[in-house]
Structures are given as C-alpha cells and as structure tokens.
Amino acid sequence: MTKVVVTKLKAGKPKAVAKTRVRTRAGQVMTVFTVGANNASFDDDLTRVFSDNVAAARRENARLFGSPDGGTALRGAKSAIHGARKK
C-alpha cells in the first residue's frame, strides 16, 4: 500500500529581490541584494533595497555613535575630509 503524505505547498510569486550572504576576502560576512533588471517592478524593488540599506546604516550609526545620523563625530570628520572653507 502507498503512504499518503499531506503537507502545505508554499505557493506564491517568486522573490523579485534575492538576498545572499557572502564572505569577503577578509572573512567578513556581507549581505548582497540582487535585483532583476528586467522585472516589471524594478522601481519598487530598487526602492525597497535602498530603504533597507539606509535603515541598516542608521541602526549601525545608532549602535556606534548613539545617533542615527552619526552624531558629531561624523560631522567633524566630514569637514576635515572635504576641507572646511575659511572666510
């Protein structure tokens, strides 16, 4: 006699944004998002990936500097990098 197995099938549309975790040469783990260029929802997918990257950067800044915008430490470094103009 044949055994009958009943399970739920995961039906749905394929993911438009693929998320892959890779290692750099230094051994650090990075998350890489891949967006299909020929996809009909390319605009929305790219916007979603961009906003996810901004949110991750703000979380990291809040963890490091106590402020999502990087705090005064980054503002001082930015003016030193670009050279503050003197009047």
C-alpha atoms as a PDB file:
ATOM      1  CA  MET A   1       0.000   0.000   0.000  1.00  0.00           C
ATOM      2  CA  THR A   2       1.179   3.548  -0.751  1.00  0.00           C
ATOM      3  CA  LYS A   3       1.823   6.006   2.047  1.00  0.00           C
ATOM      4  CA  VAL A   4      -0.081   9.296   1.681  1.00  0.00           C
ATOM      5  CA  VAL A   5       1.657  12.457   2.887  1.00  0.00           C
ATOM      6  CA  VAL A   6      -0.307  15.686   3.305  1.00  0.00           C
ATOM      7  CA  THR A   7       1.646  18.960   3.549  1.00  0.00           C
ATOM      8  CA  LYS A   8       1.118  22.590   2.699  1.00  0.00           C
ATOM      9  CA  LEU A   9       2.677  23.736  -0.524  1.00  0.00           C
ATOM     10  CA  LYS A  10       4.474  27.043  -0.445  1.00  0.00           C
ATOM     11  CA  ALA A  11       2.732  28.723  -3.318  1.00  0.00           C
ATOM     12  CA  GLY A  12       3.355  32.307  -4.265  1.00  0.00           C
ATOM     13  CA  LYS A  13       5.201  34.522  -6.625  1.00  0.00           C
ATOM     14  CA  PRO A  14       8.969  34.231  -6.884  1.00  0.00           C
ATOM     15  CA  LYS A  15      11.029  36.760  -4.976  1.00  0.00           C
ATOM     16  CA  ALA A  16      11.981  39.786  -7.016  1.00  0.00           C
ATOM     17  CA  VAL A  17      14.861  40.642  -4.675  1.00  0.00           C
ATOM     18  CA  ALA A  18      17.295  37.848  -3.874  1.00  0.00           C
ATOM     19  CA  LYS A  19      19.269  38.040  -0.635  1.00  0.00           C
ATOM     20  CA  THR A  20      22.624  36.254  -0.498  1.00  0.00           C
ATOM     21  CA  ARG A  21      25.212  36.137   2.282  1.00  0.00           C
ATOM     22  CA  VAL A  22      28.823  36.041   1.079  1.00  0.00           C
ATOM     23  CA  ARG A  23      32.269  36.269   2.658  1.00  0.00           C
ATOM     24  CA  THR A  24      34.772  38.975   1.761  1.00  0.00           C
ATOM     25  CA  ARG A  25      38.473  38.293   1.300  1.00  0.00           C
ATOM     26  CA  ALA A  26      38.963  39.438   4.895  1.00  0.00           C
ATOM     27  CA  GLY A  27      36.492  36.778   6.047  1.00  0.00           C
ATOM     28  CA  GLN A  28      33.659  39.125   6.996  1.00  0.00           C
ATOM     29  CA  VAL A  29      30.101  38.120   6.140  1.00  0.00           C
ATOM     30  CA  MET A  30      28.176  40.549   3.934  1.00  0.00           C
ATOM     31  CA  THR A  31      24.600  40.517   2.694  1.00  0.00           C
ATOM     32  CA  VAL A  32      24.213  41.151  -1.040  1.00  0.00           C
ATOM     33  CA  PHE A  33      20.841  42.020  -2.556  1.00  0.00           C
ATOM     34  CA  THR A  34      20.255  41.206  -6.225  1.00  0.00           C
ATOM     35  CA  VAL A  35      17.509  42.985  -8.151  1.00  0.00           C
ATOM     36  CA  GLY A  36      16.313  41.701 -11.520  1.00  0.00           C
ATOM     37  CA  ALA A  37      16.759  44.459 -14.126  1.00  0.00           C
ATOM     38  CA  ASN A  38      14.092  43.067 -16.454  1.00  0.00           C
ATOM     39  CA  ASN A  39      11.484  42.767 -13.735  1.00  0.00           C
ATOM     40  CA  ALA A  40       8.262  44.752 -14.113  1.00  0.00           C
ATOM     41  CA  SER A  41       8.520  46.004 -10.519  1.00  0.00           C
ATOM     42  CA  PHE A  42      12.167  47.117 -10.785  1.00  0.00           C
ATOM     43  CA  ASP A  43      11.392  50.601  -9.386  1.00  0.00           C
ATOM     44  CA  ASP A  44       9.714  49.232  -6.279  1.00  0.00           C
ATOM     45  CA  ASP A  45      12.381  46.568  -5.756  1.00  0.00           C
ATOM     46  CA  LEU A  46      15.230  49.062  -6.015  1.00  0.00           C
ATOM     47  CA  THR A  47      13.452  51.460  -3.664  1.00  0.00           C
ATOM     48  CA  ARG A  48      12.943  48.649  -1.148  1.00  0.00           C
ATOM     49  CA  VAL A  49      16.602  47.588  -1.275  1.00  0.00           C
ATOM     50  CA  PHE A  50      17.757  51.213  -0.927  1.00  0.00           C
ATOM     51  CA  SER A  51      15.495  51.876   2.068  1.00  0.00           C
ATOM     52  CA  ASP A  52      16.652  48.612   3.700  1.00  0.00           C
ATOM     53  CA  ASN A  53      20.291  49.704   3.244  1.00  0.00           C
ATOM     54  CA  VAL A  54      19.566  53.142   4.737  1.00  0.00           C
ATOM     55  CA  ALA A  55      17.788  51.553   7.710  1.00  0.00           C
ATOM     56  CA  ALA A  56      20.734  49.207   8.299  1.00  0.00           C
ATOM     57  CA  ALA A  57      23.202  52.109   8.142  1.00  0.00           C
ATOM     58  CA  ARG A  58      21.122  54.106  10.629  1.00  0.00           C
ATOM     59  CA  ARG A  59      20.961  51.150  13.021  1.00  0.00           C
ATOM     60  CA  GLU A  60      24.740  50.766  12.792  1.00  0.00           C
ATOM     61  CA  ASN A  61      25.291  54.502  13.386  1.00  0.00           C
ATOM     62  CA  ALA A  62      22.956  54.438  16.376  1.00  0.00           C
ATOM     63  CA  ARG A  63      24.873  51.480  17.769  1.00  0.00           C
ATOM     64  CA  LEU A  64      28.287  53.092  17.231  1.00  0.00           C
ATOM     65  CA  PHE A  65      27.581  56.774  17.884  1.00  0.00           C
ATOM     66  CA  GLY A  66      24.293  56.860  19.772  1.00  0.00           C
ATOM     67  CA  SER A  67      22.547  58.746  16.951  1.00  0.00           C
ATOM     68  CA  PRO A  68      21.109  57.528  13.620  1.00  0.00           C
ATOM     69  CA  ASP A  69      22.766  60.394  11.727  1.00  0.00           C
ATOM     70  CA  GLY A  70      26.206  59.537  13.069  1.00  0.00           C
ATOM     71  CA  GLY A  71      26.411  62.279  15.661  1.00  0.00           C
ATOM     72  CA  THR A  72      29.039  64.995  15.835  1.00  0.00           C
ATOM     73  CA  ALA A  73      31.901  62.560  15.270  1.00  0.00           C
ATOM     74  CA  LEU A  74      30.961  62.117  11.615  1.00  0.00           C
ATOM     75  CA  ARG A  75      30.209  65.795  11.021  1.00  0.00           C
ATOM     76  CA  GLY A  76      33.688  66.754  12.203  1.00  0.00           C
ATOM     77  CA  ALA A  77      35.286  64.048  10.072  1.00  0.00           C
ATOM     78  CA  LYS A  78      33.327  65.125   7.006  1.00  0.00           C
ATOM     79  CA  SER A  79      34.501  68.721   7.224  1.00  0.00           C
ATOM     80  CA  ALA A  80      38.083  67.546   7.721  1.00  0.00           C
ATOM     81  CA  ILE A  81      37.878  65.269   4.691  1.00  0.00           C
ATOM     82  CA  HIS A  82      36.396  67.855   2.333  1.00  0.00           C
ATOM     83  CA  GLY A  83      38.336  70.749   3.765  1.00  0.00           C
ATOM     84  CA  ALA A  84      36.462  73.435   5.613  1.00  0.00           C
ATOM     85  CA  ARG A  85      36.402  76.729   3.728  1.00  0.00           C
ATOM     86  CA  LYS A  86      37.660  79.769   5.551  1.00  0.00           C
ATOM     87  CA  LYS A  87      36.005  83.132   5.088  1.00  0.00           C
END
